[in-house]
Amino acid sequence: MSDTNDKPEKNGSSWTGKAALAGAAIGSAAIAAALLYASRRKERAEQERKAPKDAPETD
C-alpha cells in the first residue's frame, strides 16, 4: 500500500521547492532590511552624540 502523493513530480517543479526558495528570499530580504535599519539608527545616534547639547544662539 503505497501512497501516490509521496512520489516526486516527473517534471521536477514541486511546489515545496518553490516555497522553500520563496521563503529563503523573504528571509534574506528581512535580514537585509533589519541590518540597514540598525545601521541607520546607529548613525543617527552617533550624530546626536556629536552635536552640541546647548548650541550658542547667534543673531
C-alpha atoms as a PDB file:
ATOM      1  CA  MET A   1       0.000   0.000   0.000  1.00  0.00           C
ATOM      2  CA  SER A   2       1.926   2.959  -1.219  1.00  0.00           C
ATOM      3  CA  ASP A   3       0.582   6.462  -1.245  1.00  0.00           C
ATOM      4  CA  THR A   4       0.711   8.055  -4.687  1.00  0.00           C
ATOM      5  CA  ASN A   5       1.237  11.548  -3.201  1.00  0.00           C
ATOM      6  CA  ASP A   6       4.704  10.602  -1.899  1.00  0.00           C
ATOM      7  CA  LYS A   7       6.199  10.370  -5.383  1.00  0.00           C
ATOM      8  CA  PRO A   8       8.048  13.455  -6.672  1.00  0.00           C
ATOM      9  CA  GLU A   9       6.708  15.086  -9.776  1.00  0.00           C
ATOM     10  CA  LYS A  10       8.294  13.972 -13.023  1.00  0.00           C
ATOM     11  CA  ASN A  11       8.988  17.481 -14.344  1.00  0.00           C
ATOM     12  CA  GLY A  12      10.904  18.496 -11.205  1.00  0.00           C
ATOM     13  CA  SER A  13       8.790  21.539 -10.323  1.00  0.00           C
ATOM     14  CA  SER A  14       7.298  20.691  -6.969  1.00  0.00           C
ATOM     15  CA  TRP A  15       5.563  23.426  -5.023  1.00  0.00           C
ATOM     16  CA  THR A  16       7.596  22.657  -1.899  1.00  0.00           C
ATOM     17  CA  GLY A  17      10.825  23.543  -3.664  1.00  0.00           C
ATOM     18  CA  LYS A  18       9.355  26.791  -4.912  1.00  0.00           C
ATOM     19  CA  ALA A  19       8.010  27.572  -1.449  1.00  0.00           C
ATOM     20  CA  ALA A  20      11.424  26.913   0.072  1.00  0.00           C
ATOM     21  CA  LEU A  21      13.078  29.285  -2.392  1.00  0.00           C
ATOM     22  CA  ALA A  22      10.449  31.945  -1.760  1.00  0.00           C
ATOM     23  CA  GLY A  23      10.891  31.562   1.989  1.00  0.00           C
ATOM     24  CA  ALA A  24      14.653  31.903   1.672  1.00  0.00           C
ATOM     25  CA  ALA A  25      14.277  35.037  -0.437  1.00  0.00           C
ATOM     26  CA  ILE A  26      11.838  36.596   2.015  1.00  0.00           C
ATOM     27  CA  GLY A  27      14.048  35.672   4.953  1.00  0.00           C
ATOM     28  CA  SER A  28      17.166  37.178   3.422  1.00  0.00           C
ATOM     29  CA  ALA A  29      15.286  40.337   2.488  1.00  0.00           C
ATOM     30  CA  ALA A  30      14.071  40.657   6.067  1.00  0.00           C
ATOM     31  CA  ILE A  31      17.602  40.227   7.414  1.00  0.00           C
ATOM     32  CA  ALA A  32      18.953  42.829   4.984  1.00  0.00           C
ATOM     33  CA  ALA A  33      16.226  45.291   5.981  1.00  0.00           C
ATOM     34  CA  ALA A  34      16.952  44.743   9.665  1.00  0.00           C
ATOM     35  CA  LEU A  35      20.670  45.360   9.148  1.00  0.00           C
ATOM     36  CA  LEU A  36      20.004  48.552   7.177  1.00  0.00           C
ATOM     37  CA  TYR A  37      17.614  49.775   9.864  1.00  0.00           C
ATOM     38  CA  ALA A  38      20.110  49.061  12.622  1.00  0.00           C
ATOM     39  CA  SER A  39      22.959  50.809  10.820  1.00  0.00           C
ATOM     40  CA  ARG A  40      20.858  53.916  10.124  1.00  0.00           C
ATOM     41  CA  ARG A  41      19.757  54.031  13.738  1.00  0.00           C
ATOM     42  CA  LYS A  42      23.367  53.719  14.896  1.00  0.00           C
ATOM     43  CA  GLU A  43      24.438  56.561  12.579  1.00  0.00           C
ATOM     44  CA  ARG A  44      21.679  58.827  13.900  1.00  0.00           C
ATOM     45  CA  ALA A  45      22.647  58.072  17.488  1.00  0.00           C
ATOM     46  CA  GLU A  46      26.286  58.928  16.743  1.00  0.00           C
ATOM     47  CA  GLN A  47      25.284  62.212  15.079  1.00  0.00           C
ATOM     48  CA  GLU A  48      23.153  63.191  18.063  1.00  0.00           C
ATOM     49  CA  ARG A  49      26.007  62.375  20.410  1.00  0.00           C
ATOM     50  CA  LYS A  50      28.432  64.524  18.409  1.00  0.00           C
ATOM     51  CA  ALA A  51      26.066  67.505  18.139  1.00  0.00           C
ATOM     52  CA  PRO A  52      26.474  70.093  20.884  1.00  0.00           C
ATOM     53  CA  LYS A  53      23.747  69.879  23.511  1.00  0.00           C
ATOM     54  CA  ASP A  54      23.401  73.643  24.085  1.00  0.00           C
ATOM     55  CA  ALA A  55      24.265  75.331  20.838  1.00  0.00           C
ATOM     56  CA  PRO A  56      25.021  79.033  21.312  1.00  0.00           C
ATOM     57  CA  GLU A  57      22.398  81.289  19.825  1.00  0.00           C
ATOM     58  CA  THR A  58      23.558  83.645  17.131  1.00  0.00           C
ATOM     59  CA  ASP A  59      21.651  86.508  15.606  1.00  0.00           C
END
